[in-house]
Amino acid sequence: MSNFVGIDLGVGSIKIVSLSKDGDKVVLDNIGEVKTPQFNKLSEVSRVLKSLVSEMKLSNCQAVVSIPENKIVSRLVLLPPLKDSEIKDALWFEAETFVPFPLDEVSIDYEVISTDEAGRLSVFAIAARNDLIAEYVKLFKNCGIDLVAIEPTSLSLKRLVNQIVVNSVSIMVLDIGKKFSDIISLHNSNISFARSLSVGGESLTRSISVNLGLDMASAEEYKKAYGMKEMELEGKIKNAIMPVFESLSEEVRRAIAMHVESYNKSVDLLILSGGGAKMPGLAEELTKKLGVEVQIMQPFLKIDTTRIVVPIDLNIDGYRFAVAVGSALRALL
């Protein structure tokens, strides 16, 4: 069996998942996590990543790493009928309209989403700065990791959702990280758009800290314990969080409206992932606010996790590894 490693370089922590294929089964071979260095310096990230790789005894693995949406630019581009060899050139021309960097400083990749009856193409285009890509390549080379692909978070999560969710035409994913959140809209198993928001779990914690006069560490504990539960502490934590929640939910509402306008189809399901997904009461409040069914991501739902001793309870903490699992699935599905 060949092992494939998915790596999520999150602001809060670095998460690694190693998967393999045994017949028709996807098998969990290893899982690990380490706190991301506070100032996110390349040398420090390299040190802790190398230590985690050594601790997990990873060798002869092919790795896929995800790039956060806030570090790349993506756009759904409509193109006339073209040969495969012509698509990249057409995207370079289109890139002038949506890439905010000099084009000689970026690399462009793409995924063909669909082709209509007239042969016109819907293409999900991704642009990343060359210096960012070089930084990632250097980081993993220093750690002795065979990096085979770099992809945006949206593609990793799309792959995972398509593996675990059936019978849903329109799905939206809200991935809540420490400093940023990503919204990914999926229609018929393909990405229709992805965007990054400058709101994350830390924003919710800071709102509690400011409104209740608590230090950040205490505010974080209150958030994890009580979240948006109205009956807890007379609703004080919920009320402190509400300004940020309203901002976040409004962004999701706008994304849903864009989806409906594009496809004349309501969103069937909103899936929460990332470290902030399980804040108490969040899913329920989003359901009330948006009128959409909300679920927590279950990345290991269709993965055999019985062959190793897993150091965490995947039923409780597995959702945080969604991006890493989606990345590792790249070569297996």
Protein backbone atom coordinates (compact mmCIF):
# COMPACT_ATOMS: atom_id res chain seq x y z
CA MET A 1 0.00 0.00 0.00
CA SER A 2 1.22 3.51 -0.83
CA ASN A 3 0.81 6.21 1.80
CA PHE A 4 -0.41 9.69 0.99
CA VAL A 5 -0.06 12.52 3.44
CA GLY A 6 -2.28 15.58 3.68
CA ILE A 7 -0.90 18.60 5.52
CA ASP A 8 -2.86 21.58 6.81
CA LEU A 9 -0.56 24.44 7.83
CA GLY A 10 -3.10 26.26 9.97
CA VAL A 11 -2.48 29.48 11.87
CA GLY A 12 -3.35 27.73 15.13
CA SER A 13 -1.89 24.29 14.49
CA ILE A 14 -0.26 22.09 11.87
CA LYS A 15 -2.27 18.94 11.17
CA ILE A 16 -1.06 15.85 9.29
CA VAL A 17 -3.09 12.85 8.15
CA SER A 18 -1.61 9.79 6.43
CA LEU A 19 -3.97 7.62 4.37
CA SER A 20 -3.62 4.55 2.17
CA LYS A 21 -5.87 2.41 -0.01
CA ASP A 22 -6.60 -1.24 0.79
CA GLY A 23 -8.86 -2.54 -1.95
CA ASP A 24 -11.89 -0.27 -1.98
CA LYS A 25 -11.21 1.00 1.55
CA VAL A 26 -9.44 4.21 2.49
CA VAL A 27 -7.42 3.52 5.64
CA LEU A 28 -6.09 5.90 8.29
CA ASP A 29 -2.42 5.08 8.88
CA ASN A 30 -1.33 8.00 11.01
CA ILE A 31 -2.52 11.32 12.40
CA GLY A 32 -0.72 14.11 14.23
CA GLU A 33 -0.92 17.73 15.26
CA VAL A 34 1.40 20.37 16.67
CA LYS A 35 0.85 23.99 17.63
CA THR A 36 1.97 26.47 14.98
CA PRO A 37 4.81 28.75 16.20
CA GLN A 38 3.43 32.06 17.42
CA PHE A 39 5.08 34.34 14.87
CA ASN A 40 4.82 31.84 12.00
CA LYS A 41 8.49 32.29 10.96
CA LEU A 42 9.57 29.84 8.28
CA SER A 43 12.51 28.57 10.35
CA GLU A 44 10.28 27.90 13.37
CA VAL A 45 7.54 26.29 11.27
CA SER A 46 10.20 24.09 9.66
CA ARG A 47 11.50 23.05 13.08
CA VAL A 48 8.14 22.00 14.53
CA LEU A 49 7.00 20.39 11.26
CA LYS A 50 10.21 18.36 11.03
CA SER A 51 9.75 17.28 14.65
CA LEU A 52 6.15 16.17 14.01
CA VAL A 53 7.13 14.25 10.86
CA SER A 54 9.87 12.49 12.85
CA GLU A 55 7.50 11.73 15.72
CA MET A 56 4.96 10.23 13.30
CA LYS A 57 7.74 8.19 11.63
CA LEU A 58 6.62 9.26 8.17
CA SER A 59 8.84 8.01 5.36
CA ASN A 60 8.43 7.27 1.66
CA CYS A 61 5.24 9.32 1.63
CA GLN A 62 3.85 11.63 -1.00
CA ALA A 63 2.47 14.82 0.51
CA VAL A 64 -0.18 17.32 -0.56
CA VAL A 65 -0.36 20.63 1.29
CA SER A 66 -3.23 23.09 1.23
CA ILE A 67 -2.86 26.86 0.80
CA PRO A 68 -5.40 28.99 2.72
CA GLU A 69 -7.88 30.87 0.54
CA ASN A 70 -6.67 34.22 1.90
CA LYS A 71 -3.26 33.58 0.30
CA ILE A 72 -4.51 32.83 -3.22
CA VAL A 73 -6.94 34.26 -5.76
CA SER A 74 -9.63 32.10 -7.34
CA ARG A 75 -12.41 32.73 -9.82
CA LEU A 76 -14.94 30.75 -11.85
CA VAL A 77 -14.13 31.70 -15.45
CA LEU A 78 -16.33 31.07 -18.49
CA LEU A 79 -14.40 30.24 -21.68
CA PRO A 80 -15.40 29.50 -25.27
CA PRO A 81 -14.87 25.99 -26.68
CA LEU A 82 -11.13 25.28 -26.38
CA LYS A 83 -8.69 22.39 -26.58
CA ASP A 84 -6.99 21.36 -23.33
CA SER A 85 -3.72 22.84 -24.61
CA GLU A 86 -5.39 26.23 -25.12
CA ILE A 87 -7.04 26.67 -21.71
CA LYS A 88 -3.96 27.88 -19.82
CA ASP A 89 -3.23 30.61 -22.40
CA ALA A 90 -6.85 31.77 -22.24
CA LEU A 91 -6.68 31.94 -18.45
CA TRP A 92 -3.56 34.11 -18.57
CA PHE A 93 -5.56 36.57 -20.66
CA GLU A 94 -8.53 36.42 -18.25
CA ALA A 95 -6.23 36.73 -15.22
CA GLU A 96 -5.71 40.43 -15.91
CA THR A 97 -9.30 40.99 -14.76
CA PHE A 98 -9.08 39.28 -11.36
CA VAL A 99 -5.45 38.80 -10.26
CA PRO A 100 -4.27 41.81 -8.20
CA PHE A 101 -0.54 41.05 -8.71
CA PRO A 102 1.79 41.47 -11.69
CA LEU A 103 1.18 38.38 -13.82
CA ASP A 104 4.90 37.61 -14.10
CA GLU A 105 4.89 37.07 -10.31
CA VAL A 106 2.15 34.41 -10.20
CA SER A 107 1.45 30.84 -11.27
CA ILE A 108 -1.96 29.77 -12.52
CA ASP A 109 -3.66 26.40 -12.28
CA TYR A 110 -7.22 25.35 -13.00
CA GLU A 111 -9.90 22.69 -12.86
CA VAL A 112 -12.51 22.32 -15.60
CA ILE A 113 -15.89 22.32 -13.84
CA SER A 114 -18.27 21.66 -16.72
CA THR A 115 -18.84 21.90 -20.46
CA ASP A 116 -22.20 23.00 -21.86
CA GLU A 117 -23.95 21.75 -25.01
CA ALA A 118 -22.16 24.37 -27.12
CA GLY A 119 -18.76 23.29 -25.79
CA ARG A 120 -18.26 26.36 -23.59
CA LEU A 121 -16.20 25.74 -20.47
CA SER A 122 -16.68 26.65 -16.83
CA VAL A 123 -13.20 26.68 -15.30
CA PHE A 124 -12.21 27.19 -11.66
CA ALA A 125 -8.99 29.21 -11.96
CA ILE A 126 -6.46 29.59 -9.14
CA ALA A 127 -3.56 32.05 -8.99
CA ALA A 128 -0.80 32.04 -6.36
CA ARG A 129 2.29 34.19 -6.00
CA ASN A 130 5.50 32.46 -7.07
CA ASP A 131 7.32 33.55 -3.90
CA LEU A 132 4.63 31.84 -1.78
CA ILE A 133 4.98 28.61 -3.76
CA ALA A 134 8.77 28.77 -3.46
CA GLU A 135 8.42 29.24 0.31
CA TYR A 136 6.27 26.12 0.60
CA VAL A 137 8.64 24.07 -1.58
CA LYS A 138 11.63 25.16 0.52
CA LEU A 139 9.80 24.40 3.77
CA PHE A 140 8.98 20.82 2.82
CA LYS A 141 12.35 20.17 1.23
CA ASN A 142 13.98 21.18 4.53
CA CYS A 143 11.73 18.67 6.30
CA GLY A 144 12.57 15.85 3.89
CA ILE A 145 8.99 15.60 2.63
CA ASP A 146 8.22 14.64 -0.98
CA LEU A 147 5.78 17.41 -1.87
CA VAL A 148 3.76 16.35 -4.92
CA ALA A 149 1.08 19.05 -4.96
CA ILE A 150 0.05 22.39 -3.48
CA GLU A 151 -3.65 23.17 -3.65
CA PRO A 152 -6.11 25.67 -2.14
CA THR A 153 -8.21 24.73 0.87
CA SER A 154 -11.33 24.86 -1.29
CA LEU A 155 -10.21 21.93 -3.46
CA SER A 156 -9.27 19.83 -0.42
CA LEU A 157 -12.66 20.42 1.20
CA LYS A 158 -14.55 19.86 -2.05
CA ARG A 159 -12.88 16.46 -2.43
CA LEU A 160 -13.77 15.51 1.14
CA VAL A 161 -17.39 16.66 0.87
CA ASN A 162 -17.85 14.68 -2.34
CA GLN A 163 -16.61 11.57 -0.54
CA ILE A 164 -18.86 11.80 2.52
CA VAL A 165 -22.06 13.53 1.32
CA VAL A 166 -24.55 11.98 -1.10
CA ASN A 167 -27.86 13.15 -2.57
CA SER A 168 -27.17 16.86 -2.10
CA VAL A 169 -27.02 19.09 -5.17
CA SER A 170 -26.04 22.35 -3.50
CA ILE A 171 -23.73 22.47 -0.48
CA MET A 172 -21.89 25.27 1.25
CA VAL A 173 -18.88 24.78 3.52
CA LEU A 174 -17.89 27.28 6.22
CA ASP A 175 -14.36 26.51 7.40
CA ILE A 176 -13.67 28.54 10.56
CA GLY A 177 -9.97 28.94 11.26
CA LYS A 178 -8.18 30.88 13.95
CA LYS A 179 -7.86 34.19 12.08
CA PHE A 180 -9.76 33.60 8.83
CA SER A 181 -12.80 31.69 7.63
CA ASP A 182 -13.41 30.29 4.16
CA ILE A 183 -16.75 29.93 2.38
CA ILE A 184 -16.86 27.32 -0.38
CA SER A 185 -19.95 26.92 -2.54
CA LEU A 186 -20.49 23.57 -4.29
CA HIS A 187 -23.03 22.73 -6.98
CA ASN A 188 -23.30 19.26 -8.52
CA SER A 189 -20.05 18.30 -6.74
CA ASN A 190 -18.06 21.19 -8.26
CA ILE A 191 -16.87 24.50 -6.83
CA SER A 192 -18.88 27.51 -7.94
CA PHE A 193 -16.93 29.99 -5.83
CA ALA A 194 -14.67 30.27 -2.80
CA ARG A 195 -13.83 33.30 -0.70
CA SER A 196 -11.92 34.14 2.46
CA LEU A 197 -13.28 36.20 5.36
CA SER A 198 -11.17 38.11 7.87
CA VAL A 199 -13.26 36.64 10.70
CA GLY A 200 -12.22 33.55 12.64
CA GLY A 201 -12.33 31.89 16.02
CA GLU A 202 -9.99 34.52 17.45
CA SER A 203 -12.48 37.24 16.43
CA LEU A 204 -15.17 35.55 18.52
CA THR A 205 -12.79 35.23 21.48
CA ARG A 206 -11.77 38.89 21.23
CA SER A 207 -15.42 39.95 21.19
CA ILE A 208 -15.94 38.16 24.51
CA SER A 209 -12.74 39.65 25.90
CA VAL A 210 -13.67 43.23 24.96
CA ASN A 211 -17.35 43.08 25.91
CA LEU A 212 -16.86 41.30 29.24
CA GLY A 213 -13.47 42.69 30.25
CA LEU A 214 -11.72 39.30 30.26
CA ASP A 215 -8.20 38.38 29.19
CA MET A 216 -8.00 36.40 25.94
CA ALA A 217 -7.18 33.09 27.64
CA SER A 218 -10.23 33.30 29.91
CA ALA A 219 -12.43 34.47 27.04
CA GLU A 220 -11.32 31.46 24.98
CA GLU A 221 -12.30 29.07 27.78
CA TYR A 222 -15.72 30.69 28.17
CA LYS A 223 -16.25 30.50 24.40
CA LYS A 224 -15.42 26.79 24.31
CA ALA A 225 -17.56 26.02 27.36
CA TYR A 226 -20.68 28.12 26.70
CA GLY A 227 -20.50 29.60 23.20
CA MET A 228 -23.91 30.74 22.00
CA LYS A 229 -25.98 28.78 24.52
CA GLU A 230 -28.63 31.26 25.63
CA MET A 231 -29.35 29.54 28.95
CA GLU A 232 -25.71 29.55 30.09
CA LEU A 233 -24.49 32.42 32.30
CA GLU A 234 -27.73 34.31 31.55
CA GLY A 235 -26.70 34.49 27.90
CA LYS A 236 -23.78 36.83 28.64
CA ILE A 237 -21.30 34.91 26.48
CA LYS A 238 -23.78 34.66 23.62
CA ASN A 239 -24.53 38.38 23.79
CA ALA A 240 -20.81 39.19 23.78
CA ILE A 241 -20.31 37.04 20.67
CA MET A 242 -23.35 38.32 18.76
CA PRO A 243 -21.71 41.27 16.91
CA VAL A 244 -19.12 38.98 15.31
CA PHE A 245 -21.67 36.21 14.75
CA GLU A 246 -23.97 38.65 12.94
CA SER A 247 -21.10 39.70 10.66
CA LEU A 248 -20.15 36.09 9.92
CA SER A 249 -23.71 34.92 9.31
CA GLU A 250 -24.38 37.88 7.01
CA GLU A 251 -21.41 36.87 4.84
CA VAL A 252 -22.80 33.33 4.64
CA ARG A 253 -26.25 34.70 3.80
CA ARG A 254 -24.76 36.72 0.93
CA ALA A 255 -22.92 33.65 -0.33
CA ILE A 256 -26.15 31.65 -0.27
CA ALA A 257 -27.92 34.45 -2.16
CA MET A 258 -25.17 34.40 -4.81
CA HIS A 259 -25.56 30.65 -5.14
CA VAL A 260 -29.34 30.92 -5.55
CA GLU A 261 -28.93 33.67 -8.14
CA SER A 262 -26.41 31.61 -10.12
CA TYR A 263 -28.24 28.27 -10.10
CA ASN A 264 -31.85 29.11 -9.20
CA LYS A 265 -31.45 26.46 -6.50
CA SER A 266 -31.41 26.87 -2.73
CA VAL A 267 -28.56 25.47 -0.65
CA ASP A 268 -29.40 22.02 0.73
CA LEU A 269 -26.79 21.89 3.46
CA LEU A 270 -24.24 24.08 5.27
CA ILE A 271 -21.27 22.12 6.63
CA LEU A 272 -19.04 23.57 9.35
CA SER A 273 -15.36 22.65 9.62
CA GLY A 274 -12.21 24.11 11.13
CA GLY A 275 -11.31 24.75 14.75
CA GLY A 276 -14.29 27.05 15.41
CA ALA A 277 -16.95 24.73 14.01
CA LYS A 278 -18.00 23.11 17.27
CA MET A 279 -18.52 26.21 19.37
CA PRO A 280 -21.60 25.38 21.49
CA GLY A 281 -24.80 26.64 19.91
CA LEU A 282 -23.20 27.85 16.67
CA ALA A 283 -24.83 25.31 14.35
CA GLU A 284 -28.24 25.87 15.92
CA GLU A 285 -27.97 29.67 15.66
CA LEU A 286 -26.90 29.47 12.01
CA THR A 287 -29.88 27.23 11.25
CA LYS A 288 -32.23 29.78 12.85
CA LYS A 289 -30.57 32.71 11.09
CA LEU A 290 -30.24 31.20 7.62
CA GLY A 291 -33.04 28.65 7.44
CA VAL A 292 -30.60 26.00 6.20
CA GLU A 293 -29.70 22.61 7.68
CA VAL A 294 -26.30 22.85 9.38
CA GLN A 295 -23.99 19.92 10.15
CA ILE A 296 -20.48 19.50 11.54
CA MET A 297 -17.97 17.99 9.10
CA GLN A 298 -17.19 14.31 9.72
CA PRO A 299 -13.99 13.79 7.70
CA PHE A 300 -13.43 10.19 8.86
CA LEU A 301 -16.98 9.02 8.14
CA LYS A 302 -15.92 6.77 5.24
CA ILE A 303 -12.37 6.01 6.38
CA ASP A 304 -11.30 2.87 8.22
CA THR A 305 -9.81 4.21 11.47
CA THR A 306 -9.60 0.85 13.29
CA ARG A 307 -6.10 -0.24 12.26
CA ILE A 308 -4.13 2.12 14.50
CA VAL A 309 -4.41 3.47 18.02
CA VAL A 310 -5.68 6.98 17.35
CA PRO A 311 -4.32 9.51 19.89
CA ILE A 312 -7.51 11.60 19.83
CA ASP A 313 -11.24 10.89 19.88
CA LEU A 314 -12.18 11.34 16.22
CA ASN A 315 -15.87 11.60 17.14
CA ILE A 316 -15.05 14.71 19.19
CA ASP A 317 -12.03 16.28 17.49
CA GLY A 318 -11.98 14.72 14.02
CA TYR A 319 -13.70 17.70 12.38
CA ARG A 320 -10.56 19.81 12.85
CA PHE A 321 -8.63 17.55 10.43
CA ALA A 322 -10.99 18.08 7.48
CA VAL A 323 -8.53 19.99 5.27
CA ALA A 324 -5.69 17.52 5.93
CA VAL A 325 -7.96 14.55 5.12
CA GLY A 326 -9.20 16.21 1.93
CA SER A 327 -5.62 16.88 0.82
CA ALA A 328 -4.53 13.29 1.52
CA LEU A 329 -7.46 11.96 -0.52
CA ARG A 330 -6.13 13.68 -3.66
CA ALA A 331 -4.24 10.62 -4.91
CA LEU A 332 -6.66 8.00 -3.57
CA LEU A 333 -10.00 8.90 -5.15
